[in-house]
Amino acid sequence: MRDRTDLRWNGRALHLGHHTKPLLTVVPDDRWSGIYRIRFRDRHLSDMVNLTRAKDAAEGIALSDINPKGSIRAVERPPVRLPRRGLSDIGEASVRNGGVVS
């Protein structure tokens, strides 16, 4: 199973390890300065975002494509799971009264 440490950026091209063919490429938008898009292997372009978001999204898309469906590494899971708590007194009263708090 692969994670972000298996990916590397060469300029704006995202590669898996030392492979020469990029998985995805981040390209500047033709019309808007400072705006980028992700170019997929089939040459389609994503929506417009800033460079940081484009690179982050490209890594996420690449990982979802190269890893088996339904697999999540422990390092990608949330670090803490909060316990479920009951409704507060106001919340319980609101539910009992059909959303009206008296």
PDB file of N, CA and C in Angstrom:
ATOM      1  N   MET A   1       0.840  -1.165   0.000  1.00  0.00           N
ATOM      2  CA  MET A   1       0.000   0.000   0.000  1.00  0.00           C
ATOM      3  C   MET A   1       0.894   1.241   0.000  1.00  0.00           C
ATOM      4  N   ARG A   2       0.526   2.204  -0.787  1.00  0.00           N
ATOM      5  CA  ARG A   2       1.325   3.411  -0.957  1.00  0.00           C
ATOM      6  C   ARG A   2       0.786   4.558  -0.114  1.00  0.00           C
ATOM      7  N   ASP A   3       1.669   5.473   0.289  1.00  0.00           N
ATOM      8  CA  ASP A   3       1.227   6.701   0.960  1.00  0.00           C
ATOM      9  C   ASP A   3       1.999   7.871   0.363  1.00  0.00           C
ATOM     10  N   ARG A   4       1.817   9.062   0.931  1.00  0.00           N
ATOM     11  CA  ARG A   4       2.405  10.278   0.357  1.00  0.00           C
ATOM     12  C   ARG A   4       3.925  10.238   0.307  1.00  0.00           C
ATOM     13  N   THR A   5       4.551   9.427   1.163  1.00  0.00           N
ATOM     14  CA  THR A   5       6.014   9.346   1.138  1.00  0.00           C
ATOM     15  C   THR A   5       6.519   8.638  -0.117  1.00  0.00           C
ATOM     16  N   ASP A   6       5.646   7.904  -0.812  1.00  0.00           N
ATOM     17  CA  ASP A   6       6.033   7.212  -2.044  1.00  0.00           C
ATOM     18  C   ASP A   6       5.948   8.118  -3.270  1.00  0.00           C
ATOM     19  N   LEU A   7       5.376   9.297  -3.093  1.00  0.00           N
ATOM     20  CA  LEU A   7       5.213  10.238  -4.208  1.00  0.00           C
ATOM     21  C   LEU A   7       6.319  11.279  -4.155  1.00  0.00           C
ATOM     22  N   ARG A   8       6.685  11.796  -5.320  1.00  0.00           N
ATOM     23  CA  ARG A   8       7.673  12.877  -5.354  1.00  0.00           C
ATOM     24  C   ARG A   8       7.297  13.862  -6.448  1.00  0.00           C
ATOM     25  N   TRP A   9       7.600  15.106  -6.175  1.00  0.00           N
ATOM     26  CA  TRP A   9       7.349  16.175  -7.138  1.00  0.00           C
ATOM     27  C   TRP A   9       8.630  16.466  -7.901  1.00  0.00           C
ATOM     28  N   ASN A  10       8.519  16.575  -9.198  1.00  0.00           N
ATOM     29  CA  ASN A  10       9.610  17.029 -10.050  1.00  0.00           C
ATOM     30  C   ASN A  10       9.060  18.255 -10.773  1.00  0.00           C
ATOM     31  N   GLY A  11       9.291  19.410 -10.185  1.00  0.00           N
ATOM     32  CA  GLY A  11       8.641  20.623 -10.687  1.00  0.00           C
ATOM     33  C   GLY A  11       7.165  20.550 -10.349  1.00  0.00           C
ATOM     34  N   ARG A  12       6.324  20.565 -11.361  1.00  0.00           N
ATOM     35  CA  ARG A  12       4.875  20.445 -11.144  1.00  0.00           C
ATOM     36  C   ARG A  12       4.349  19.086 -11.586  1.00  0.00           C
ATOM     37  N   ALA A  13       5.237  18.129 -11.809  1.00  0.00           N
ATOM     38  CA  ALA A  13       4.840  16.781 -12.202  1.00  0.00           C
ATOM     39  C   ALA A  13       4.964  15.849 -10.998  1.00  0.00           C
ATOM     40  N   LEU A  14       3.907  15.093 -10.719  1.00  0.00           N
ATOM     41  CA  LEU A  14       3.885  14.165  -9.586  1.00  0.00           C
ATOM     42  C   LEU A  14       4.222  12.761 -10.070  1.00  0.00           C
ATOM     43  N   HIS A  15       5.251  12.176  -9.455  1.00  0.00           N
ATOM     44  CA  HIS A  15       5.724  10.849  -9.850  1.00  0.00           C
ATOM     45  C   HIS A  15       5.584   9.865  -8.697  1.00  0.00           C
ATOM     46  N   LEU A  16       5.452   8.602  -9.049  1.00  0.00           N
ATOM     47  CA  LEU A  16       5.485   7.523  -8.071  1.00  0.00           C
ATOM     48  C   LEU A  16       6.911   7.016  -7.998  1.00  0.00           C
ATOM     49  N   GLY A  17       7.548   7.259  -6.867  1.00  0.00           N
ATOM     50  CA  GLY A  17       8.937   6.839  -6.700  1.00  0.00           C
ATOM     51  C   GLY A  17       9.833   7.433  -7.753  1.00  0.00           C
ATOM     52  N   HIS A  18      10.602   6.581  -8.427  1.00  0.00           N
ATOM     53  CA  HIS A  18      11.543   7.055  -9.444  1.00  0.00           C
ATOM     54  C   HIS A  18      11.039   6.789 -10.864  1.00  0.00           C
ATOM     55  N   HIS A  19       9.746   6.551 -11.011  1.00  0.00           N
ATOM     56  CA  HIS A  19       9.194   6.359 -12.355  1.00  0.00           C
ATOM     57  C   HIS A  19       9.333   7.663 -13.136  1.00  0.00           C
ATOM     58  N   THR A  20       9.558   7.539 -14.425  1.00  0.00           N
ATOM     59  CA  THR A  20       9.762   8.738 -15.240  1.00  0.00           C
ATOM     60  C   THR A  20       8.451   9.342 -15.740  1.00  0.00           C
ATOM     61  N   LYS A  21       7.413   8.522 -15.890  1.00  0.00           N
ATOM     62  CA  LYS A  21       6.130   9.029 -16.381  1.00  0.00           C
ATOM     63  C   LYS A  21       5.325   9.580 -15.196  1.00  0.00           C
ATOM     64  N   PRO A  22       4.915  10.847 -15.259  1.00  0.00           N
ATOM     65  CA  PRO A  22       4.177  11.420 -14.128  1.00  0.00           C
ATOM     66  C   PRO A  22       2.773  10.832 -14.000  1.00  0.00           C
ATOM     67  N   LEU A  23       2.318  10.741 -12.752  1.00  0.00           N
ATOM     68  CA  LEU A  23       0.946  10.318 -12.497  1.00  0.00           C
ATOM     69  C   LEU A  23      -0.025  11.437 -12.873  1.00  0.00           C
ATOM     70  N   LEU A  24       0.281  12.635 -12.429  1.00  0.00           N
ATOM     71  CA  LEU A  24      -0.527  13.825 -12.684  1.00  0.00           C
ATOM     72  C   LEU A  24       0.419  15.014 -12.814  1.00  0.00           C
ATOM     73  N   THR A  25      -0.079  16.068 -13.417  1.00  0.00           N
ATOM     74  CA  THR A  25       0.707  17.282 -13.560  1.00  0.00           C
ATOM     75  C   THR A  25      -0.147  18.480 -13.160  1.00  0.00           C
ATOM     76  N   VAL A  26       0.450  19.416 -12.459  1.00  0.00           N
ATOM     77  CA  VAL A  26      -0.222  20.664 -12.103  1.00  0.00           C
ATOM     78  C   VAL A  26       0.219  21.712 -13.127  1.00  0.00           C
ATOM     79  N   VAL A  27      -0.768  22.326 -13.785  1.00  0.00           N
ATOM     80  CA  VAL A  27      -0.460  23.297 -14.847  1.00  0.00           C
ATOM     81  C   VAL A  27      -1.128  24.633 -14.534  1.00  0.00           C
ATOM     82  N   PRO A  28      -0.483  25.735 -14.922  1.00  0.00           N
ATOM     83  CA  PRO A  28      -1.105  27.043 -14.705  1.00  0.00           C
ATOM     84  C   PRO A  28      -2.313  27.200 -15.623  1.00  0.00           C
ATOM     85  N   ASP A  29      -3.327  27.909 -15.131  1.00  0.00           N
ATOM     86  CA  ASP A  29      -4.508  28.181 -15.931  1.00  0.00           C
ATOM     87  C   ASP A  29      -4.137  29.148 -17.054  1.00  0.00           C
ATOM     88  N   ASP A  30      -4.715  28.953 -18.225  1.00  0.00           N
ATOM     89  CA  ASP A  30      -4.407  29.797 -19.381  1.00  0.00           C
ATOM     90  C   ASP A  30      -4.886  31.234 -19.203  1.00  0.00           C
ATOM     91  N   ARG A  31      -5.930  31.413 -18.425  1.00  0.00           N
ATOM     92  CA  ARG A  31      -6.569  32.725 -18.342  1.00  0.00           C
ATOM     93  C   ARG A  31      -6.240  33.503 -17.076  1.00  0.00           C
ATOM     94  N   TRP A  32      -6.150  32.802 -15.937  1.00  0.00           N
ATOM     95  CA  TRP A  32      -6.014  33.472 -14.641  1.00  0.00           C
ATOM     96  C   TRP A  32      -4.624  33.275 -14.057  1.00  0.00           C
ATOM     97  N   SER A  33      -3.981  34.364 -13.718  1.00  0.00           N
ATOM     98  CA  SER A  33      -2.657  34.335 -13.118  1.00  0.00           C
ATOM     99  C   SER A  33      -2.741  33.807 -11.685  1.00  0.00           C
ATOM    100  N   GLY A  34      -1.819  32.936 -11.309  1.00  0.00           N
ATOM    101  CA  GLY A  34      -1.775  32.402  -9.953  1.00  0.00           C
ATOM    102  C   GLY A  34      -2.782  31.300  -9.689  1.00  0.00           C
ATOM    103  N   ILE A  35      -3.468  30.841 -10.725  1.00  0.00           N
ATOM    104  CA  ILE A  35      -4.470  29.771 -10.599  1.00  0.00           C
ATOM    105  C   ILE A  35      -3.967  28.568 -11.384  1.00  0.00           C
ATOM    106  N   TYR A  36      -4.212  27.379 -10.833  1.00  0.00           N
ATOM    107  CA  TYR A  36      -3.702  26.149 -11.428  1.00  0.00           C
ATOM    108  C   TYR A  36      -4.805  25.120 -11.584  1.00  0.00           C
ATOM    109  N   ARG A  37      -4.516  24.130 -12.400  1.00  0.00           N
ATOM    110  CA  ARG A  37      -5.412  22.989 -12.616  1.00  0.00           C
ATOM    111  C   ARG A  37      -4.580  21.709 -12.598  1.00  0.00           C
ATOM    112  N   ILE A  38      -5.223  20.610 -12.323  1.00  0.00           N
ATOM    113  CA  ILE A  38      -4.560  19.305 -12.390  1.00  0.00           C
ATOM    114  C   ILE A  38      -4.842  18.725 -13.774  1.00  0.00           C
ATOM    115  N   ARG A  39      -3.769  18.340 -14.471  1.00  0.00           N
ATOM    116  CA  ARG A  39      -3.943  17.671 -15.764  1.00  0.00           C
ATOM    117  C   ARG A  39      -3.827  16.167 -15.529  1.00  0.00           C
ATOM    118  N   PHE A  40      -4.903  15.457 -15.874  1.00  0.00           N
ATOM    119  CA  PHE A  40      -4.938  14.013 -15.715  1.00  0.00           C
ATOM    120  C   PHE A  40      -4.261  13.353 -16.924  1.00  0.00           C
ATOM    121  N   ARG A  41      -3.985  12.067 -16.821  1.00  0.00           N
ATOM    122  CA  ARG A  41      -3.317  11.350 -17.911  1.00  0.00           C
ATOM    123  C   ARG A  41      -4.137  11.365 -19.198  1.00  0.00           C
ATOM    124  N   ASP A  42      -5.468  11.436 -19.071  1.00  0.00           N
ATOM    125  CA  ASP A  42      -6.310  11.477 -20.276  1.00  0.00           C
ATOM    126  C   ASP A  42      -6.441  12.899 -20.835  1.00  0.00           C
ATOM    127  N   ARG A  43      -5.623  13.830 -20.316  1.00  0.00           N
ATOM    128  CA  ARG A  43      -5.521  15.214 -20.771  1.00  0.00           C
ATOM    129  C   ARG A  43      -6.646  16.118 -20.272  1.00  0.00           C
ATOM    130  N   HIS A  44      -7.605  15.595 -19.513  1.00  0.00           N
ATOM    131  CA  HIS A  44      -8.647  16.436 -18.935  1.00  0.00           C
ATOM    132  C   HIS A  44      -8.050  17.301 -17.834  1.00  0.00           C
ATOM    133  N   LEU A  45      -8.710  18.431 -17.566  1.00  0.00           N
ATOM    134  CA  LEU A  45      -8.257  19.356 -16.534  1.00  0.00           C
ATOM    135  C   LEU A  45      -9.262  19.426 -15.393  1.00  0.00           C
ATOM    136  N   SER A  46      -8.755  19.644 -14.189  1.00  0.00           N
ATOM    137  CA  SER A  46      -9.606  19.807 -13.011  1.00  0.00           C
ATOM    138  C   SER A  46     -10.141  21.233 -12.950  1.00  0.00           C
ATOM    139  N   ASP A  47     -10.904  21.516 -11.919  1.00  0.00           N
ATOM    140  CA  ASP A  47     -11.334  22.883 -11.642  1.00  0.00           C
ATOM    141  C   ASP A  47     -10.122  23.713 -11.236  1.00  0.00           C
ATOM    142  N   MET A  48     -10.301  25.019 -11.170  1.00  0.00           N
ATOM    143  CA  MET A  48      -9.209  25.933 -10.841  1.00  0.00           C
ATOM    144  C   MET A  48      -9.031  26.055  -9.329  1.00  0.00           C
ATOM    145  N   VAL A  49      -7.783  26.006  -8.887  1.00  0.00           N
ATOM    146  CA  VAL A  49      -7.433  26.201  -7.473  1.00  0.00           C
ATOM    147  C   VAL A  49      -6.055  26.849  -7.391  1.00  0.00           C
ATOM    148  N   ASN A  50      -5.655  27.232  -6.174  1.00  0.00           N
ATOM    149  CA  ASN A  50      -4.295  27.763  -6.034  1.00  0.00           C
ATOM    150  C   ASN A  50      -3.293  26.601  -6.065  1.00  0.00           C
ATOM    151  N   LEU A  51      -2.014  26.927  -6.145  1.00  0.00           N
ATOM    152  CA  LEU A  51      -0.984  25.910  -6.329  1.00  0.00           C
ATOM    153  C   LEU A  51      -0.924  24.911  -5.174  1.00  0.00           C
ATOM    154  N   THR A  52      -1.024  25.398  -3.945  1.00  0.00           N
ATOM    155  CA  THR A  52      -0.961  24.508  -2.784  1.00  0.00           C
ATOM    156  C   THR A  52      -2.096  23.497  -2.798  1.00  0.00           C
ATOM    157  N   ARG A  53      -3.296  23.966  -3.053  1.00  0.00           N
ATOM    158  CA  ARG A  53      -4.448  23.058  -3.092  1.00  0.00           C
ATOM    159  C   ARG A  53      -4.361  22.099  -4.274  1.00  0.00           C
ATOM    160  N   ALA A  54      -3.849  22.567  -5.397  1.00  0.00           N
ATOM    161  CA  ALA A  54      -3.715  21.693  -6.564  1.00  0.00           C
ATOM    162  C   ALA A  54      -2.756  20.547  -6.276  1.00  0.00           C
ATOM    163  N   LYS A  55      -1.624  20.852  -5.640  1.00  0.00           N
ATOM    164  CA  LYS A  55      -0.651  19.799  -5.323  1.00  0.00           C
ATOM    165  C   LYS A  55      -1.207  18.813  -4.292  1.00  0.00           C
ATOM    166  N   ASP A  56      -1.900  19.331  -3.284  1.00  0.00           N
ATOM    167  CA  ASP A  56      -2.489  18.464  -2.274  1.00  0.00           C
ATOM    168  C   ASP A  56      -3.554  17.560  -2.893  1.00  0.00           C
ATOM    169  N   ALA A  57      -4.409  18.134  -3.728  1.00  0.00           N
ATOM    170  CA  ALA A  57      -5.450  17.347  -4.386  1.00  0.00           C
ATOM    171  C   ALA A  57      -4.838  16.314  -5.325  1.00  0.00           C
ATOM    172  N   ALA A  58      -3.786  16.682  -6.038  1.00  0.00           N
ATOM    173  CA  ALA A  58      -3.122  15.744  -6.948  1.00  0.00           C
ATOM    174  C   ALA A  58      -2.580  14.538  -6.186  1.00  0.00           C
ATOM    175  N   GLU A  59      -1.983  14.784  -5.018  1.00  0.00           N
ATOM    176  CA  GLU A  59      -1.478  13.670  -4.206  1.00  0.00           C
ATOM    177  C   GLU A  59      -2.625  12.762  -3.762  1.00  0.00           C
ATOM    178  N   GLY A  60      -3.716  13.344  -3.313  1.00  0.00           N
ATOM    179  CA  GLY A  60      -4.866  12.548  -2.885  1.00  0.00           C
ATOM    180  C   GLY A  60      -5.463  11.735  -4.018  1.00  0.00           C
ATOM    181  N   ILE A  61      -5.589  12.349  -5.185  1.00  0.00           N
ATOM    182  CA  ILE A  61      -6.132  11.641  -6.355  1.00  0.00           C
ATOM    183  C   ILE A  61      -5.201  10.514  -6.767  1.00  0.00           C
ATOM    184  N   ALA A  62      -3.901  10.790  -6.794  1.00  0.00           N
ATOM    185  CA  ALA A  62      -2.940   9.760  -7.185  1.00  0.00           C
ATOM    186  C   ALA A  62      -2.989   8.576  -6.230  1.00  0.00           C
ATOM    187  N   LEU A  63      -3.044   8.848  -4.938  1.00  0.00           N
ATOM    188  CA  LEU A  63      -3.097   7.754  -3.960  1.00  0.00           C
ATOM    189  C   LEU A  63      -4.375   6.945  -4.088  1.00  0.00           C
ATOM    190  N   SER A  64      -5.491   7.604  -4.359  1.00  0.00           N
ATOM    191  CA  SER A  64      -6.743   6.860  -4.516  1.00  0.00           C
ATOM    192  C   SER A  64      -6.717   6.009  -5.778  1.00  0.00           C
ATOM    193  N   ASP A  65      -5.968   6.438  -6.786  1.00  0.00           N
ATOM    194  CA  ASP A  65      -5.868   5.660  -8.016  1.00  0.00           C
ATOM    195  C   ASP A  65      -4.934   4.461  -7.881  1.00  0.00           C
ATOM    196  N   ILE A  66      -3.837   4.601  -7.150  1.00  0.00           N
ATOM    197  CA  ILE A  66      -2.851   3.522  -7.100  1.00  0.00           C
ATOM    198  C   ILE A  66      -3.080   2.532  -5.957  1.00  0.00           C
ATOM    199  N   ASN A  67      -3.876   2.901  -4.952  1.00  0.00           N
ATOM    200  CA  ASN A  67      -4.142   1.984  -3.842  1.00  0.00           C
ATOM    201  C   ASN A  67      -5.450   1.250  -4.070  1.00  0.00           C
ATOM    202  N   PRO A  68      -5.550   0.024  -3.546  1.00  0.00           N
ATOM    203  CA  PRO A  68      -6.808  -0.714  -3.663  1.00  0.00           C
ATOM    204  C   PRO A  68      -7.941   0.038  -2.976  1.00  0.00           C
ATOM    205  N   LYS A  69      -9.121  -0.098  -3.509  1.00  0.00           N
ATOM    206  CA  LYS A  69     -10.283   0.587  -2.940  1.00  0.00           C
ATOM    207  C   LYS A  69     -10.553   0.086  -1.523  1.00  0.00           C
ATOM    208  N   GLY A  70     -10.913   1.012  -0.642  1.00  0.00           N
ATOM    209  CA  GLY A  70     -11.262   0.662   0.729  1.00  0.00           C
ATOM    210  C   GLY A  70     -10.087   0.492   1.666  1.00  0.00           C
ATOM    211  N   SER A  71      -8.877   0.730   1.181  1.00  0.00           N
ATOM    212  CA  SER A  71      -7.711   0.563   2.050  1.00  0.00           C
ATOM    213  C   SER A  71      -7.239   1.923   2.536  1.00  0.00           C
ATOM    214  N   ILE A  72      -7.025   2.019   3.838  1.00  0.00           N
ATOM    215  CA  ILE A  72      -6.499   3.243   4.433  1.00  0.00           C
ATOM    216  C   ILE A  72      -5.389   2.837   5.384  1.00  0.00           C
ATOM    217  N   ARG A  73      -4.247   3.441   5.229  1.00  0.00           N
ATOM    218  CA  ARG A  73      -3.150   3.159   6.149  1.00  0.00           C
ATOM    219  C   ARG A  73      -3.424   3.822   7.482  1.00  0.00           C
ATOM    220  N   ALA A  74      -2.866   3.290   8.516  1.00  0.00           N
ATOM    221  CA  ALA A  74      -3.083   3.830   9.856  1.00  0.00           C
ATOM    222  C   ALA A  74      -2.633   5.281   9.956  1.00  0.00           C
ATOM    223  N   VAL A  75      -1.583   5.660   9.241  1.00  0.00           N
ATOM    224  CA  VAL A  75      -1.097   7.039   9.324  1.00  0.00           C
ATOM    225  C   VAL A  75      -2.053   8.025   8.667  1.00  0.00           C
ATOM    226  N   GLU A  76      -2.958   7.552   7.825  1.00  0.00           N
ATOM    227  CA  GLU A  76      -3.903   8.432   7.152  1.00  0.00           C
ATOM    228  C   GLU A  76      -5.222   8.546   7.908  1.00  0.00           C
ATOM    229  N   ARG A  77      -5.417   7.717   8.897  1.00  0.00           N
ATOM    230  CA  ARG A  77      -6.640   7.778   9.685  1.00  0.00           C
ATOM    231  C   ARG A  77      -6.554   8.931  10.670  1.00  0.00           C
ATOM    232  N   PRO A  78      -7.700   9.429  11.121  1.00  0.00           N
ATOM    233  CA  PRO A  78      -7.657  10.488  12.138  1.00  0.00           C
ATOM    234  C   PRO A  78      -6.918   9.998  13.369  1.00  0.00           C
ATOM    235  N   PRO A  79      -6.087  10.843  13.983  1.00  0.00           N
ATOM    236  CA  PRO A  79      -5.284  10.395  15.116  1.00  0.00           C
ATOM    237  C   PRO A  79      -6.091  10.107  16.366  1.00  0.00           C
ATOM    238  N   VAL A  80      -7.249  10.739  16.518  1.00  0.00           N
ATOM    239  CA  VAL A  80      -8.056  10.566  17.721  1.00  0.00           C
ATOM    240  C   VAL A  80      -9.502  10.379  17.320  1.00  0.00           C
ATOM    241  N   ARG A  81     -10.156   9.455  17.966  1.00  0.00           N
ATOM    242  CA  ARG A  81     -11.583   9.285  17.730  1.00  0.00           C
ATOM    243  C   ARG A  81     -12.307   9.744  18.980  1.00  0.00           C
ATOM    244  N   LEU A  82     -13.156  10.727  18.839  1.00  0.00           N
ATOM    245  CA  LEU A  82     -13.877  11.267  19.979  1.00  0.00           C
ATOM    246  C   LEU A  82     -15.034  10.353  20.350  1.00  0.00           C
ATOM    247  N   PRO A  83     -15.262  10.143  21.659  1.00  0.00           N
ATOM    248  CA  PRO A  83     -16.392   9.312  22.061  1.00  0.00           C
ATOM    249  C   PRO A  83     -17.698  10.030  21.769  1.00  0.00           C
ATOM    250  N   ARG A  84     -18.722   9.251  21.466  1.00  0.00           N
ATOM    251  CA  ARG A  84     -20.051   9.840  21.248  1.00  0.00           C
ATOM    252  C   ARG A  84     -20.612  10.260  22.582  1.00  0.00           C
ATOM    253  N   ARG A  85     -21.199  11.411  22.607  1.00  0.00           N
ATOM    254  CA  ARG A  85     -21.794  11.908  23.837  1.00  0.00           C
ATOM    255  C   ARG A  85     -23.288  12.061  23.638  1.00  0.00           C
ATOM    256  N   GLY A  86     -24.004  11.994  24.717  1.00  0.00           N
ATOM    257  CA  GLY A  86     -25.443  12.202  24.651  1.00  0.00           C
ATOM    258  C   GLY A  86     -25.761  13.659  24.377  1.00  0.00           C
ATOM    259  N   LEU A  87     -27.006  13.917  24.083  1.00  0.00           N
ATOM    260  CA  LEU A  87     -27.428  15.285  23.853  1.00  0.00           C
ATOM    261  C   LEU A  87     -27.337  16.091  25.138  1.00  0.00           C
ATOM    262  N   SER A  88     -27.073  17.357  25.007  1.00  0.00           N
ATOM    263  CA  SER A  88     -27.068  18.222  26.187  1.00  0.00           C
ATOM    264  C   SER A  88     -28.503  18.406  26.668  1.00  0.00           C
ATOM    265  N   ASP A  89     -28.646  18.999  27.832  1.00  0.00           N
ATOM    266  CA  ASP A  89     -29.996  19.221  28.366  1.00  0.00           C
ATOM    267  C   ASP A  89     -30.836  20.040  27.403  1.00  0.00           C
ATOM    268  N   ILE A  90     -30.245  21.064  26.807  1.00  0.00           N
ATOM    269  CA  ILE A  90     -30.991  21.892  25.862  1.00  0.00           C
ATOM    270  C   ILE A  90     -31.324  21.088  24.618  1.00  0.00           C
ATOM    271  N   GLY A  91     -30.367  20.292  24.140  1.00  0.00           N
ATOM    272  CA  GLY A  91     -30.599  19.472  22.957  1.00  0.00           C
ATOM    273  C   GLY A  91     -31.695  18.456  23.175  1.00  0.00           C
ATOM    274  N   GLU A  92     -31.711  17.803  24.376  1.00  0.00           N
ATOM    275  CA  GLU A  92     -32.750  16.823  24.673  1.00  0.00           C
ATOM    276  C   GLU A  92     -34.112  17.485  24.742  1.00  0.00           C
ATOM    277  N   ALA A  93     -34.178  18.658  25.360  1.00  0.00           N
ATOM    278  CA  ALA A  93     -35.454  19.368  25.448  1.00  0.00           C
ATOM    279  C   ALA A  93     -35.916  19.769  24.067  1.00  0.00           C
ATOM    280  N   SER A  94     -34.998  20.192  23.227  1.00  0.00           N
ATOM    281  CA  SER A  94     -35.351  20.596  21.872  1.00  0.00           C
ATOM    282  C   SER A  94     -35.918  19.427  21.101  1.00  0.00           C
ATOM    283  N   VAL A  95     -35.327  18.240  21.241  1.00  0.00           N
ATOM    284  CA  VAL A  95     -35.808  17.062  20.530  1.00  0.00           C
ATOM    285  C   VAL A  95     -37.170  16.653  21.057  1.00  0.00           C
ATOM    286  N   ARG A  96     -37.357  16.674  22.378  1.00  0.00           N
ATOM    287  CA  ARG A  96     -38.642  16.283  22.964  1.00  0.00           C
ATOM    288  C   ARG A  96     -39.768  17.239  22.566  1.00  0.00           C
ATOM    289  N   ASN A  97     -39.462  18.515  22.412  1.00  0.00           N
ATOM    290  CA  ASN A  97     -40.485  19.510  22.108  1.00  0.00           C
ATOM    291  C   ASN A  97     -40.576  19.804  20.609  1.00  0.00           C
ATOM    292  N   GLY A  98     -40.083  18.939  19.775  1.00  0.00           N
ATOM    293  CA  GLY A  98     -40.180  19.134  18.354  1.00  0.00           C
ATOM    294  C   GLY A  98     -39.347  20.286  17.832  1.00  0.00           C
ATOM    295  N   GLY A  99     -38.217  20.549  18.460  1.00  0.00           N
ATOM    296  CA  GLY A  99     -37.323  21.604  18.011  1.00  0.00           C
ATOM    297  C   GLY A  99     -37.547  22.922  18.713  1.00  0.00           C
ATOM    298  N   VAL A 100     -38.529  22.993  19.610  1.00  0.00           N
ATOM    299  CA  VAL A 100     -38.800  24.232  20.327  1.00  0.00           C
ATOM    300  C   VAL A 100     -38.200  24.143  21.717  1.00  0.00           C
ATOM    301  N   VAL A 101     -37.344  25.062  22.071  1.00  0.00           N
ATOM    302  CA  VAL A 101     -36.727  25.082  23.382  1.00  0.00           C
ATOM    303  C   VAL A 101     -37.534  26.022  24.258  1.00  0.00           C
ATOM    304  N   SER A 102     -37.994  25.521  25.395  1.00  0.00           N
ATOM    305  CA  SER A 102     -38.799  26.366  26.269  1.00  0.00           C
ATOM    306  C   SER A 102     -38.001  26.912  27.418  1.00  0.00           C
TER     307      SER A 102
END
